[in-house]
Amino acid sequence: MSAITIDAAAEAKVRDILANSLDLDGEELTRTGLFVDEYGADSLCAIEMLSAIEVAFGVTIEQDELENMVHFEAVLEVLSRAESR
């Protein structure tokens, strides 16, 4: 198993997933905008994002990584450490 490489296509896919989960346009989502404080995300939204990313990239992300997934950049970091299934 290997880690995911975050290229421009992967980053765009993550942006789409996050924007959809947060009910935003892709341009509204900044790299460091906090999901909870700036976009009003709740725990259900976080789980939805995690699940969608796992399915889209064929990876498994541990539930304890949710606390690290606070903004777009952090999600990319978590994804880069995720192991493919």
N, C-alpha and C. Protein backbone atom coordinates (compact mmCIF):
# COMPACT_ATOMS: atom_id res chain seq x y z
N MET A 1 0.84 -1.19 0.00
CA MET A 1 0.00 0.00 0.00
C MET A 1 0.88 1.25 0.00
N SER A 2 0.41 2.28 -0.67
CA SER A 2 1.20 3.50 -0.73
C SER A 2 0.34 4.73 -0.41
N ALA A 3 1.00 5.79 -0.05
CA ALA A 3 0.32 7.04 0.27
C ALA A 3 -0.16 7.71 -1.02
N ILE A 4 -1.10 8.59 -0.88
CA ILE A 4 -1.67 9.32 -2.00
C ILE A 4 -0.76 10.51 -2.35
N THR A 5 -0.52 10.71 -3.63
CA THR A 5 0.22 11.88 -4.10
C THR A 5 -0.80 12.98 -4.39
N ILE A 6 -0.57 14.14 -3.81
CA ILE A 6 -1.50 15.24 -4.00
C ILE A 6 -1.00 16.10 -5.16
N ASP A 7 -1.61 15.91 -6.33
CA ASP A 7 -1.30 16.73 -7.48
C ASP A 7 -2.46 17.70 -7.71
N ALA A 8 -2.41 18.46 -8.77
CA ALA A 8 -3.45 19.46 -9.04
C ALA A 8 -4.83 18.82 -9.21
N ALA A 9 -4.88 17.67 -9.86
CA ALA A 9 -6.16 16.99 -10.07
C ALA A 9 -6.74 16.49 -8.74
N ALA A 10 -5.89 15.93 -7.89
CA ALA A 10 -6.35 15.46 -6.58
C ALA A 10 -6.82 16.63 -5.73
N GLU A 11 -6.08 17.72 -5.78
CA GLU A 11 -6.46 18.90 -5.01
C GLU A 11 -7.81 19.45 -5.48
N ALA A 12 -8.03 19.48 -6.78
CA ALA A 12 -9.31 19.95 -7.32
C ALA A 12 -10.46 19.03 -6.89
N LYS A 13 -10.20 17.73 -6.88
CA LYS A 13 -11.23 16.77 -6.47
C LYS A 13 -11.58 16.97 -4.99
N VAL A 14 -10.56 17.17 -4.15
CA VAL A 14 -10.79 17.41 -2.72
C VAL A 14 -11.57 18.71 -2.54
N ARG A 15 -11.19 19.75 -3.27
CA ARG A 15 -11.89 21.03 -3.17
C ARG A 15 -13.37 20.85 -3.50
N ASP A 16 -13.67 20.11 -4.55
CA ASP A 16 -15.07 19.87 -4.94
C ASP A 16 -15.82 19.13 -3.84
N ILE A 17 -15.19 18.11 -3.27
CA ILE A 17 -15.83 17.33 -2.20
C ILE A 17 -16.13 18.22 -1.00
N LEU A 18 -15.13 19.00 -0.58
CA LEU A 18 -15.30 19.85 0.59
C LEU A 18 -16.34 20.93 0.34
N ALA A 19 -16.27 21.58 -0.81
CA ALA A 19 -17.24 22.63 -1.14
C ALA A 19 -18.65 22.07 -1.17
N ASN A 20 -18.81 20.90 -1.74
CA ASN A 20 -20.13 20.27 -1.79
C ASN A 20 -20.64 19.95 -0.39
N SER A 21 -19.78 19.39 0.46
CA SER A 21 -20.17 19.03 1.82
C SER A 21 -20.51 20.27 2.65
N LEU A 22 -19.79 21.36 2.39
CA LEU A 22 -20.01 22.60 3.14
C LEU A 22 -21.04 23.50 2.49
N ASP A 23 -21.60 23.06 1.35
CA ASP A 23 -22.59 23.83 0.60
C ASP A 23 -22.03 25.19 0.18
N LEU A 24 -20.83 25.15 -0.41
CA LEU A 24 -20.15 26.36 -0.88
C LEU A 24 -19.82 26.22 -2.35
N ASP A 25 -19.55 27.36 -3.00
CA ASP A 25 -18.94 27.33 -4.33
C ASP A 25 -17.46 27.06 -4.10
N GLY A 26 -16.82 26.38 -5.03
CA GLY A 26 -15.41 26.05 -4.88
C GLY A 26 -14.53 27.25 -4.61
N GLU A 27 -14.87 28.40 -5.20
CA GLU A 27 -14.06 29.61 -5.02
C GLU A 27 -14.18 30.17 -3.60
N GLU A 28 -15.28 29.88 -2.93
CA GLU A 28 -15.49 30.38 -1.56
C GLU A 28 -14.61 29.67 -0.54
N LEU A 29 -14.17 28.48 -0.87
CA LEU A 29 -13.37 27.67 0.04
C LEU A 29 -11.90 28.09 -0.03
N THR A 30 -11.38 28.64 1.05
CA THR A 30 -9.98 29.03 1.07
C THR A 30 -9.14 27.88 1.62
N ARG A 31 -7.84 27.96 1.45
CA ARG A 31 -6.96 26.88 1.91
C ARG A 31 -6.90 26.77 3.42
N THR A 32 -7.11 27.90 4.13
CA THR A 32 -6.99 27.87 5.59
C THR A 32 -8.26 28.31 6.31
N GLY A 33 -9.36 28.45 5.58
CA GLY A 33 -10.64 28.79 6.22
C GLY A 33 -11.10 27.65 7.11
N LEU A 34 -11.36 27.94 8.37
CA LEU A 34 -11.75 26.91 9.33
C LEU A 34 -13.18 26.43 9.06
N PHE A 35 -13.33 25.12 8.92
CA PHE A 35 -14.63 24.55 8.59
C PHE A 35 -15.71 24.92 9.60
N VAL A 36 -15.40 24.80 10.88
CA VAL A 36 -16.40 25.06 11.92
C VAL A 36 -16.63 26.56 12.09
N ASP A 37 -15.56 27.30 12.32
CA ASP A 37 -15.69 28.73 12.65
C ASP A 37 -16.12 29.59 11.47
N GLU A 38 -15.61 29.30 10.27
CA GLU A 38 -15.90 30.16 9.13
C GLU A 38 -17.02 29.64 8.23
N TYR A 39 -17.20 28.33 8.19
CA TYR A 39 -18.19 27.76 7.27
C TYR A 39 -19.36 27.07 7.98
N GLY A 40 -19.34 27.04 9.30
CA GLY A 40 -20.46 26.49 10.06
C GLY A 40 -20.61 24.98 10.00
N ALA A 41 -19.53 24.26 9.76
CA ALA A 41 -19.59 22.80 9.68
C ALA A 41 -19.85 22.21 11.07
N ASP A 42 -20.51 21.06 11.08
CA ASP A 42 -20.72 20.32 12.33
C ASP A 42 -20.10 18.93 12.19
N SER A 43 -20.25 18.12 13.22
CA SER A 43 -19.62 16.80 13.21
C SER A 43 -20.17 15.91 12.09
N LEU A 44 -21.43 16.03 11.78
CA LEU A 44 -22.02 15.24 10.69
C LEU A 44 -21.38 15.62 9.36
N CYS A 45 -21.17 16.90 9.16
CA CYS A 45 -20.51 17.39 7.95
C CYS A 45 -19.09 16.83 7.85
N ALA A 46 -18.38 16.81 8.96
CA ALA A 46 -17.01 16.29 8.99
C ALA A 46 -16.98 14.82 8.60
N ILE A 47 -17.91 14.05 9.11
CA ILE A 47 -17.97 12.62 8.78
C ILE A 47 -18.32 12.43 7.31
N GLU A 48 -19.22 13.27 6.80
CA GLU A 48 -19.59 13.22 5.38
C GLU A 48 -18.37 13.50 4.50
N MET A 49 -17.58 14.52 4.87
CA MET A 49 -16.37 14.85 4.10
C MET A 49 -15.38 13.69 4.13
N LEU A 50 -15.16 13.14 5.31
CA LEU A 50 -14.23 12.02 5.47
C LEU A 50 -14.64 10.84 4.60
N SER A 51 -15.90 10.50 4.67
CA SER A 51 -16.42 9.37 3.90
C SER A 51 -16.29 9.61 2.40
N ALA A 52 -16.65 10.80 1.95
CA ALA A 52 -16.58 11.12 0.51
C ALA A 52 -15.14 11.06 0.01
N ILE A 53 -14.20 11.53 0.81
CA ILE A 53 -12.79 11.50 0.42
C ILE A 53 -12.29 10.06 0.36
N GLU A 54 -12.69 9.25 1.35
CA GLU A 54 -12.28 7.84 1.34
C GLU A 54 -12.78 7.13 0.08
N VAL A 55 -14.03 7.37 -0.28
CA VAL A 55 -14.60 6.71 -1.46
C VAL A 55 -13.94 7.23 -2.73
N ALA A 56 -13.79 8.54 -2.86
CA ALA A 56 -13.25 9.14 -4.08
C ALA A 56 -11.80 8.71 -4.34
N PHE A 57 -11.03 8.53 -3.27
CA PHE A 57 -9.61 8.21 -3.45
C PHE A 57 -9.26 6.76 -3.13
N GLY A 58 -10.25 5.98 -2.68
CA GLY A 58 -9.99 4.57 -2.38
C GLY A 58 -9.01 4.40 -1.24
N VAL A 59 -9.15 5.23 -0.20
CA VAL A 59 -8.25 5.18 0.96
C VAL A 59 -9.05 4.94 2.23
N THR A 60 -8.32 4.62 3.27
CA THR A 60 -8.90 4.53 4.61
C THR A 60 -8.23 5.60 5.45
N ILE A 61 -9.07 6.43 6.09
CA ILE A 61 -8.58 7.48 6.99
C ILE A 61 -9.13 7.17 8.36
N GLU A 62 -8.26 7.09 9.33
CA GLU A 62 -8.67 6.78 10.70
C GLU A 62 -9.59 7.88 11.24
N GLN A 63 -10.59 7.47 12.03
CA GLN A 63 -11.55 8.42 12.60
C GLN A 63 -10.87 9.49 13.45
N ASP A 64 -9.77 9.14 14.11
CA ASP A 64 -9.10 10.14 14.96
C ASP A 64 -8.44 11.25 14.14
N GLU A 65 -8.34 11.07 12.83
CA GLU A 65 -7.81 12.12 11.96
C GLU A 65 -8.83 13.26 11.76
N LEU A 66 -10.09 13.00 12.09
CA LEU A 66 -11.13 14.04 11.94
C LEU A 66 -10.75 15.32 12.67
N GLU A 67 -10.18 15.20 13.85
CA GLU A 67 -9.81 16.38 14.62
C GLU A 67 -8.73 17.20 13.94
N ASN A 68 -7.97 16.59 13.05
CA ASN A 68 -6.93 17.31 12.31
C ASN A 68 -7.46 17.96 11.03
N MET A 69 -8.63 17.55 10.58
CA MET A 69 -9.19 18.03 9.33
C MET A 69 -10.00 19.31 9.56
N VAL A 70 -9.29 20.40 9.85
CA VAL A 70 -9.95 21.64 10.24
C VAL A 70 -10.09 22.64 9.10
N HIS A 71 -9.29 22.47 8.04
CA HIS A 71 -9.40 23.32 6.86
C HIS A 71 -8.86 22.55 5.65
N PHE A 72 -9.01 23.14 4.48
CA PHE A 72 -8.66 22.49 3.22
C PHE A 72 -7.21 21.98 3.23
N GLU A 73 -6.26 22.81 3.62
CA GLU A 73 -4.86 22.41 3.64
C GLU A 73 -4.63 21.21 4.56
N ALA A 74 -5.29 21.22 5.71
CA ALA A 74 -5.14 20.11 6.66
C ALA A 74 -5.72 18.82 6.08
N VAL A 75 -6.80 18.92 5.34
CA VAL A 75 -7.39 17.74 4.71
C VAL A 75 -6.41 17.16 3.69
N LEU A 76 -5.76 18.02 2.92
CA LEU A 76 -4.77 17.54 1.96
C LEU A 76 -3.62 16.82 2.67
N GLU A 77 -3.20 17.36 3.80
CA GLU A 77 -2.13 16.73 4.58
C GLU A 77 -2.56 15.35 5.08
N VAL A 78 -3.77 15.26 5.62
CA VAL A 78 -4.29 13.97 6.11
C VAL A 78 -4.40 12.99 4.95
N LEU A 79 -4.90 13.46 3.82
CA LEU A 79 -5.03 12.58 2.66
C LEU A 79 -3.67 12.09 2.19
N SER A 80 -2.67 12.93 2.23
CA SER A 80 -1.33 12.53 1.77
C SER A 80 -0.75 11.42 2.64
N ARG A 81 -1.21 11.31 3.88
CA ARG A 81 -0.73 10.25 4.77
C ARG A 81 -1.61 9.00 4.73
N ALA A 82 -2.78 9.11 4.09
CA ALA A 82 -3.72 7.98 4.05
C ALA A 82 -3.16 6.85 3.20
N GLU A 83 -3.49 5.66 3.59
CA GLU A 83 -3.05 4.47 2.86
C GLU A 83 -4.14 4.02 1.90
N SER A 84 -3.74 3.68 0.66
CA SER A 84 -4.73 3.15 -0.27
C SER A 84 -5.19 1.78 0.19
N ARG A 85 -6.42 1.48 -0.19
CA ARG A 85 -7.01 0.19 0.19
C ARG A 85 -6.55 -0.89 -0.76
